[in-house]
Structure formats: C-alpha cells, structure tokens
C-alpha atoms as a PDB file:
ATOM      1  CA  UNK A   1       4.415  23.602 -19.317  1.00  0.00           C
ATOM      2  CA  UNK A   2       3.130  22.296 -15.983  1.00  0.00           C
ATOM      3  CA  UNK A   3       5.355  20.226 -13.750  1.00  0.00           C
ATOM      4  CA  UNK A   4       3.994  16.741 -13.283  1.00  0.00           C
ATOM      5  CA  UNK A   5       2.987  15.849  -9.740  1.00  0.00           C
ATOM      6  CA  UNK A   6       4.535  12.619  -8.497  1.00  0.00           C
ATOM      7  CA  UNK A   7       2.536   9.638  -7.333  1.00  0.00           C
ATOM      8  CA  UNK A   8       4.176  10.009  -3.925  1.00  0.00           C
ATOM      9  CA  UNK A   9       3.085  13.644  -3.593  1.00  0.00           C
ATOM     10  CA  UNK A  10      -0.457  12.800  -4.661  1.00  0.00           C
ATOM     11  CA  UNK A  11      -0.698   9.972  -2.124  1.00  0.00           C
ATOM     12  CA  UNK A  12       0.760  12.141   0.638  1.00  0.00           C
ATOM     13  CA  UNK A  13      -1.814  14.814  -0.080  1.00  0.00           C
ATOM     14  CA  UNK A  14      -4.612  12.222  -0.110  1.00  0.00           C
ATOM     15  CA  UNK A  15      -3.620  10.276   3.012  1.00  0.00           C
ATOM     16  CA  UNK A  16      -1.643  12.880   4.966  1.00  0.00           C
ATOM     17  CA  UNK A  17       0.649  10.349   6.635  1.00  0.00           C
ATOM     18  CA  UNK A  18       3.593   8.113   5.787  1.00  0.00           C
ATOM     19  CA  UNK A  19       2.213   4.869   7.194  1.00  0.00           C
ATOM     20  CA  UNK A  20      -1.181   3.854   5.869  1.00  0.00           C
ATOM     21  CA  UNK A  21      -3.174   0.976   7.377  1.00  0.00           C
ATOM     22  CA  UNK A  22      -3.393  -1.946   4.972  1.00  0.00           C
ATOM     23  CA  UNK A  23      -7.143  -2.046   5.619  1.00  0.00           C
ATOM     24  CA  UNK A  24      -7.474   1.424   4.052  1.00  0.00           C
ATOM     25  CA  UNK A  25      -5.748   0.368   0.816  1.00  0.00           C
ATOM     26  CA  UNK A  26      -7.066  -3.089  -0.005  1.00  0.00           C
ATOM     27  CA  UNK A  27     -10.043  -2.507  -2.228  1.00  0.00           C
ATOM     28  CA  UNK A  28      -8.782   0.665  -3.901  1.00  0.00           C
ATOM     29  CA  UNK A  29      -5.187  -0.302  -4.713  1.00  0.00           C
ATOM     30  CA  UNK A  30      -5.069  -4.090  -4.424  1.00  0.00           C
ATOM     31  CA  UNK A  31      -8.551  -4.997  -5.617  1.00  0.00           C
ATOM     32  CA  UNK A  32      -9.167  -7.407  -2.744  1.00  0.00           C
ATOM     33  CA  UNK A  33     -10.810  -7.315   0.665  1.00  0.00           C
ATOM     34  CA  UNK A  34      -8.779  -6.799   3.824  1.00  0.00           C
ATOM     35  CA  UNK A  35      -9.359 -10.437   4.743  1.00  0.00           C
ATOM     36  CA  UNK A  36      -7.868 -11.634   1.439  1.00  0.00           C
ATOM     37  CA  UNK A  37      -4.968  -9.164   1.669  1.00  0.00           C
ATOM     38  CA  UNK A  38      -4.220 -10.342   5.203  1.00  0.00           C
ATOM     39  CA  UNK A  39      -4.249 -13.971   4.040  1.00  0.00           C
ATOM     40  CA  UNK A  40      -1.909 -13.134   1.150  1.00  0.00           C
ATOM     41  CA  UNK A  41       0.404 -11.378   3.610  1.00  0.00           C
ATOM     42  CA  UNK A  42       0.438 -14.424   5.916  1.00  0.00           C
ATOM     43  CA  UNK A  43       1.197 -16.676   2.924  1.00  0.00           C
ATOM     44  CA  UNK A  44       3.953 -14.370   1.626  1.00  0.00           C
ATOM     45  CA  UNK A  45       2.032 -13.659  -1.590  1.00  0.00           C
ATOM     46  CA  UNK A  46       1.526  -9.914  -1.204  1.00  0.00           C
ATOM     47  CA  UNK A  47       3.726  -8.041  -3.701  1.00  0.00           C
ATOM     48  CA  UNK A  48       3.795  -4.915  -1.562  1.00  0.00           C
ATOM     49  CA  UNK A  49       6.154  -4.415   1.410  1.00  0.00           C
ATOM     50  CA  UNK A  50       4.151  -4.541   4.639  1.00  0.00           C
ATOM     51  CA  UNK A  51       5.106  -3.279   8.086  1.00  0.00           C
ATOM     52  CA  UNK A  52       3.682  -5.267  11.004  1.00  0.00           C
ATOM     53  CA  UNK A  53       3.417  -3.108  14.123  1.00  0.00           C
ATOM     54  CA  UNK A  54       3.892  -5.756  16.740  1.00  0.00           C
ATOM     55  CA  UNK A  55       4.040  -9.500  16.751  1.00  0.00           C
ATOM     56  CA  UNK A  56       1.391 -12.123  16.293  1.00  0.00           C
ATOM     57  CA  UNK A  57      -1.417 -12.614  13.840  1.00  0.00           C
ATOM     58  CA  UNK A  58      -3.449  -9.677  15.105  1.00  0.00           C
ATOM     59  CA  UNK A  59      -0.670  -7.100  14.758  1.00  0.00           C
ATOM     60  CA  UNK A  60      -1.844  -4.118  12.708  1.00  0.00           C
ATOM     61  CA  UNK A  61      -0.378  -3.987   9.202  1.00  0.00           C
ATOM     62  CA  UNK A  62       0.760  -0.823   7.452  1.00  0.00           C
ATOM     63  CA  UNK A  63       2.192   0.193   4.091  1.00  0.00           C
ATOM     64  CA  UNK A  64       4.787   2.943   3.811  1.00  0.00           C
ATOM     65  CA  UNK A  65       3.643   5.664   1.430  1.00  0.00           C
ATOM     66  CA  UNK A  66       6.846   5.470  -0.628  1.00  0.00           C
ATOM     67  CA  UNK A  67       6.394   1.716  -1.158  1.00  0.00           C
ATOM     68  CA  UNK A  68       2.796   2.253  -2.263  1.00  0.00           C
ATOM     69  CA  UNK A  69       3.886   4.942  -4.735  1.00  0.00           C
ATOM     70  CA  UNK A  70       6.547   2.623  -6.200  1.00  0.00           C
ATOM     71  CA  UNK A  71       3.996  -0.201  -6.424  1.00  0.00           C
ATOM     72  CA  UNK A  72       1.536   2.008  -8.303  1.00  0.00           C
ATOM     73  CA  UNK A  73       4.212   3.365 -10.652  1.00  0.00           C
ATOM     74  CA  UNK A  74       5.544  -0.140 -11.381  1.00  0.00           C
ATOM     75  CA  UNK A  75       2.051  -1.390 -12.235  1.00  0.00           C
ATOM     76  CA  UNK A  76       1.415   1.667 -14.374  1.00  0.00           C
ATOM     77  CA  UNK A  77       4.516   0.957 -16.455  1.00  0.00           C
ATOM     78  CA  UNK A  78       3.138  -2.530 -17.241  1.00  0.00           C
ATOM     79  CA  UNK A  79       0.147  -1.019 -19.056  1.00  0.00           C
END
C-alpha cells in the first residue's frame, strides 16, 4: 500500500518555498483575481492567514505554505 502524500508536501514540491506571494495563489486556490483578494484582505474578509511584508497598502502579501495546506484540507473536508 502506498503512503499518501500530504497536501503540504505536494505544495512544497510545486512552489519550492515556504512563503508564496498572494498574487500567485488567487485564481488557482481562491477563485478570485489578485485585486479582489487584496480588497478582501483589506476588508478582513479573507479566510486565509496573510503575511504583510512591510507596512502600508502596497506592502507585498504572502501566504505561508502550511496555512495554505490547512486551508485546502479544511475545504476538502467540507465536500
């Protein structure tokens, strides 16, 4: 019997880093454009923990790989 690969391991293999720019994830994992995701973040409506690297509205936003894996797994369990 094959061992099941975790969501975290799959994402790490795909992205190769622990912090992923929010812009890279929007359409694939959130189903919205970066502009909409950024607006949801500013309004506190994004259900995914976001890391702002700096201060101000133009600070780049990132998602930690572990948080993304948990988000995907939680949504999968709702199906």
